[in-house]
Amino acid sequence: MTTVAALRVGARVAGEAIGRQRFGFFIPIDDMPNAIALAEITAMAHGMDLPTLGTFVIGEVFWHTDHNHQVRVRLDE
């Protein structure tokens, strides 16, 4: 719950892509130990390539999921 409170919708986040799934990938958020965001394919710009593992990415928080306190991120192009 602390992560959701600290990362309000519109907050800028950055981190390295650490896990890929068919629906998107996971990013540990710099400066927030134990915080991981989900960047979903459906929130990516049309035609944007899914980053490879280890790629540093920057995005914006656009949603929180209450049941599991997940932070969802839309990537910058």
N, C-alpha and C. Protein backbone atom coordinates (compact mmCIF):
# COMPACT_ATOMS: atom_id res chain seq x y z
N MET A 1 0.82 -1.19 0.00
CA MET A 1 0.00 0.00 0.00
C MET A 1 0.87 1.26 0.00
N THR A 2 2.04 1.20 0.63
CA THR A 2 2.95 2.34 0.67
C THR A 2 3.41 2.71 -0.73
N THR A 3 3.68 1.72 -1.57
CA THR A 3 4.11 1.98 -2.94
C THR A 3 3.04 2.72 -3.71
N VAL A 4 1.80 2.28 -3.61
CA VAL A 4 0.70 2.93 -4.30
C VAL A 4 0.55 4.38 -3.83
N ALA A 5 0.68 4.61 -2.53
CA ALA A 5 0.58 5.97 -2.00
C ALA A 5 1.71 6.86 -2.50
N ALA A 6 2.91 6.30 -2.63
CA ALA A 6 4.06 7.08 -3.08
C ALA A 6 4.06 7.32 -4.58
N LEU A 7 3.42 6.43 -5.32
CA LEU A 7 3.42 6.54 -6.79
C LEU A 7 2.01 6.84 -7.29
N ARG A 8 1.60 8.06 -7.12
CA ARG A 8 0.29 8.50 -7.57
C ARG A 8 0.19 8.44 -9.09
N VAL A 9 -1.02 8.37 -9.60
CA VAL A 9 -1.24 8.42 -11.05
C VAL A 9 -0.59 9.70 -11.57
N GLY A 10 0.20 9.56 -12.63
CA GLY A 10 0.93 10.68 -13.21
C GLY A 10 2.39 10.74 -12.78
N ALA A 11 2.77 9.96 -11.75
CA ALA A 11 4.16 9.96 -11.29
C ALA A 11 5.06 9.36 -12.37
N ARG A 12 6.25 9.89 -12.51
CA ARG A 12 7.24 9.38 -13.46
C ARG A 12 8.06 8.30 -12.76
N VAL A 13 8.31 7.21 -13.45
CA VAL A 13 9.10 6.11 -12.89
C VAL A 13 10.12 5.65 -13.92
N ALA A 14 11.17 5.02 -13.43
CA ALA A 14 12.22 4.50 -14.30
C ALA A 14 12.75 3.22 -13.70
N GLY A 15 13.21 2.34 -14.57
CA GLY A 15 13.79 1.10 -14.11
C GLY A 15 14.21 0.23 -15.29
N GLU A 16 14.73 -0.93 -14.98
CA GLU A 16 15.24 -1.87 -15.98
C GLU A 16 14.25 -3.02 -16.15
N ALA A 17 13.91 -3.32 -17.38
CA ALA A 17 12.99 -4.43 -17.66
C ALA A 17 13.61 -5.73 -17.15
N ILE A 18 12.88 -6.44 -16.25
CA ILE A 18 13.45 -7.65 -15.65
C ILE A 18 12.70 -8.92 -15.97
N GLY A 19 11.49 -8.81 -16.45
CA GLY A 19 10.72 -10.01 -16.74
C GLY A 19 9.71 -9.73 -17.84
N ARG A 20 9.61 -10.64 -18.80
CA ARG A 20 8.67 -10.46 -19.91
C ARG A 20 7.64 -11.58 -19.90
N GLN A 21 6.43 -11.19 -20.20
CA GLN A 21 5.33 -12.12 -20.39
C GLN A 21 4.62 -11.71 -21.67
N ARG A 22 3.66 -12.50 -22.12
CA ARG A 22 2.97 -12.14 -23.37
C ARG A 22 2.12 -10.88 -23.22
N PHE A 23 1.77 -10.52 -21.98
CA PHE A 23 0.92 -9.35 -21.73
C PHE A 23 1.71 -8.08 -21.41
N GLY A 24 3.03 -8.20 -21.23
CA GLY A 24 3.86 -7.03 -20.92
C GLY A 24 5.13 -7.43 -20.21
N PHE A 25 5.68 -6.52 -19.44
CA PHE A 25 6.91 -6.82 -18.70
C PHE A 25 6.94 -6.08 -17.38
N PHE A 26 7.86 -6.51 -16.53
CA PHE A 26 7.95 -5.99 -15.17
C PHE A 26 9.19 -5.11 -15.02
N ILE A 27 9.03 -4.06 -14.20
CA ILE A 27 10.09 -3.08 -13.98
C ILE A 27 10.23 -2.83 -12.48
N PRO A 28 11.40 -3.14 -11.87
CA PRO A 28 11.60 -2.68 -10.50
C PRO A 28 11.80 -1.17 -10.56
N ILE A 29 11.18 -0.46 -9.68
CA ILE A 29 11.20 1.00 -9.75
C ILE A 29 12.41 1.53 -9.01
N ASP A 30 13.24 2.30 -9.72
CA ASP A 30 14.42 2.91 -9.11
C ASP A 30 13.99 3.73 -7.89
N ASP A 31 14.79 3.73 -6.88
CA ASP A 31 14.57 4.49 -5.64
C ASP A 31 13.44 3.95 -4.78
N MET A 32 12.88 2.78 -5.12
CA MET A 32 11.81 2.20 -4.29
C MET A 32 12.07 0.70 -4.16
N PRO A 33 12.86 0.30 -3.17
CA PRO A 33 13.13 -1.13 -2.99
C PRO A 33 11.83 -1.93 -2.85
N ASN A 34 11.81 -3.07 -3.44
CA ASN A 34 10.66 -3.99 -3.38
C ASN A 34 9.44 -3.53 -4.17
N ALA A 35 9.56 -2.49 -4.98
CA ALA A 35 8.44 -2.02 -5.79
C ALA A 35 8.65 -2.45 -7.24
N ILE A 36 7.65 -3.11 -7.79
CA ILE A 36 7.72 -3.56 -9.17
C ILE A 36 6.47 -3.10 -9.90
N ALA A 37 6.67 -2.52 -11.07
CA ALA A 37 5.55 -2.04 -11.88
C ALA A 37 5.34 -2.98 -13.05
N LEU A 38 4.14 -2.97 -13.58
CA LEU A 38 3.80 -3.73 -14.78
C LEU A 38 3.55 -2.75 -15.92
N ALA A 39 4.25 -2.94 -17.01
CA ALA A 39 4.00 -2.18 -18.24
C ALA A 39 3.31 -3.14 -19.20
N GLU A 40 2.01 -2.94 -19.41
CA GLU A 40 1.24 -3.83 -20.27
C GLU A 40 1.36 -3.45 -21.74
N ILE A 41 1.31 -4.44 -22.59
CA ILE A 41 1.36 -4.20 -24.03
C ILE A 41 0.22 -3.28 -24.45
N THR A 42 -0.95 -3.45 -23.85
CA THR A 42 -2.11 -2.65 -24.24
C THR A 42 -1.94 -1.16 -23.91
N ALA A 43 -0.98 -0.82 -23.05
CA ALA A 43 -0.73 0.58 -22.70
C ALA A 43 0.46 1.16 -23.47
N MET A 44 1.03 0.39 -24.39
CA MET A 44 2.16 0.87 -25.18
C MET A 44 1.64 1.53 -26.45
N ALA A 45 2.41 2.49 -26.95
CA ALA A 45 2.06 3.17 -28.19
C ALA A 45 2.02 2.15 -29.33
N HIS A 46 1.08 2.33 -30.25
CA HIS A 46 0.96 1.43 -31.40
C HIS A 46 2.28 1.38 -32.16
N GLY A 47 2.75 0.17 -32.41
CA GLY A 47 4.00 -0.02 -33.14
C GLY A 47 5.25 0.01 -32.29
N MET A 48 5.12 0.29 -31.01
CA MET A 48 6.28 0.32 -30.11
C MET A 48 6.73 -1.11 -29.83
N ASP A 49 8.03 -1.34 -29.90
CA ASP A 49 8.58 -2.67 -29.63
C ASP A 49 8.66 -2.92 -28.14
N LEU A 50 8.39 -4.16 -27.75
CA LEU A 50 8.54 -4.57 -26.36
C LEU A 50 10.03 -4.56 -26.03
N PRO A 51 10.44 -3.86 -24.98
CA PRO A 51 11.85 -3.79 -24.63
C PRO A 51 12.44 -5.16 -24.32
N THR A 52 13.69 -5.33 -24.61
CA THR A 52 14.39 -6.57 -24.25
C THR A 52 14.75 -6.50 -22.77
N LEU A 53 15.00 -7.65 -22.19
CA LEU A 53 15.40 -7.70 -20.78
C LEU A 53 16.68 -6.88 -20.59
N GLY A 54 16.73 -6.14 -19.52
CA GLY A 54 17.89 -5.32 -19.22
C GLY A 54 17.81 -3.91 -19.76
N THR A 55 16.81 -3.62 -20.58
CA THR A 55 16.66 -2.28 -21.14
C THR A 55 16.14 -1.33 -20.07
N PHE A 56 16.74 -0.15 -19.97
CA PHE A 56 16.28 0.88 -19.05
C PHE A 56 15.11 1.60 -19.70
N VAL A 57 14.01 1.72 -18.97
CA VAL A 57 12.81 2.35 -19.52
C VAL A 57 12.29 3.43 -18.57
N ILE A 58 11.55 4.36 -19.13
CA ILE A 58 10.94 5.44 -18.37
C ILE A 58 9.47 5.50 -18.75
N GLY A 59 8.63 5.74 -17.76
CA GLY A 59 7.21 5.82 -18.04
C GLY A 59 6.46 6.60 -16.98
N GLU A 60 5.14 6.48 -17.06
CA GLU A 60 4.25 7.22 -16.17
C GLU A 60 3.21 6.28 -15.57
N VAL A 61 2.98 6.40 -14.28
CA VAL A 61 1.96 5.60 -13.62
C VAL A 61 0.60 6.05 -14.16
N PHE A 62 -0.21 5.08 -14.62
CA PHE A 62 -1.54 5.44 -15.11
C PHE A 62 -2.66 4.70 -14.38
N TRP A 63 -2.33 3.72 -13.53
CA TRP A 63 -3.38 2.95 -12.87
C TRP A 63 -2.81 2.19 -11.69
N HIS A 64 -3.66 1.94 -10.70
CA HIS A 64 -3.32 1.06 -9.57
C HIS A 64 -4.38 -0.03 -9.49
N THR A 65 -3.96 -1.22 -9.18
CA THR A 65 -4.90 -2.33 -9.00
C THR A 65 -5.02 -2.59 -7.51
N ASP A 66 -6.22 -2.35 -6.98
CA ASP A 66 -6.42 -2.43 -5.53
C ASP A 66 -6.19 -3.82 -4.94
N HIS A 67 -6.63 -4.87 -5.62
CA HIS A 67 -6.57 -6.20 -5.00
C HIS A 67 -5.15 -6.71 -4.77
N ASN A 68 -4.18 -6.25 -5.57
CA ASN A 68 -2.81 -6.72 -5.33
C ASN A 68 -1.80 -5.57 -5.25
N HIS A 69 -2.32 -4.33 -5.15
CA HIS A 69 -1.48 -3.14 -5.00
C HIS A 69 -0.48 -2.99 -6.14
N GLN A 70 -0.88 -3.40 -7.31
CA GLN A 70 0.00 -3.32 -8.48
C GLN A 70 0.00 -1.91 -9.07
N VAL A 71 1.17 -1.47 -9.49
CA VAL A 71 1.33 -0.18 -10.15
C VAL A 71 1.49 -0.47 -11.64
N ARG A 72 0.64 0.16 -12.45
CA ARG A 72 0.73 -0.03 -13.90
C ARG A 72 1.30 1.22 -14.54
N VAL A 73 2.18 0.99 -15.52
CA VAL A 73 2.97 2.07 -16.12
C VAL A 73 2.74 2.10 -17.63
N ARG A 74 2.64 3.30 -18.18
CA ARG A 74 2.63 3.53 -19.63
C ARG A 74 4.01 4.06 -20.00
N LEU A 75 4.67 3.40 -20.92
CA LEU A 75 6.03 3.78 -21.29
C LEU A 75 6.08 5.00 -22.17
N ASP A 76 7.18 5.75 -22.05
CA ASP A 76 7.47 6.81 -23.00
C ASP A 76 7.91 6.16 -24.30
N GLU A 77 7.70 6.83 -25.37
CA GLU A 77 8.11 6.26 -26.67
C GLU A 77 9.60 6.42 -26.87
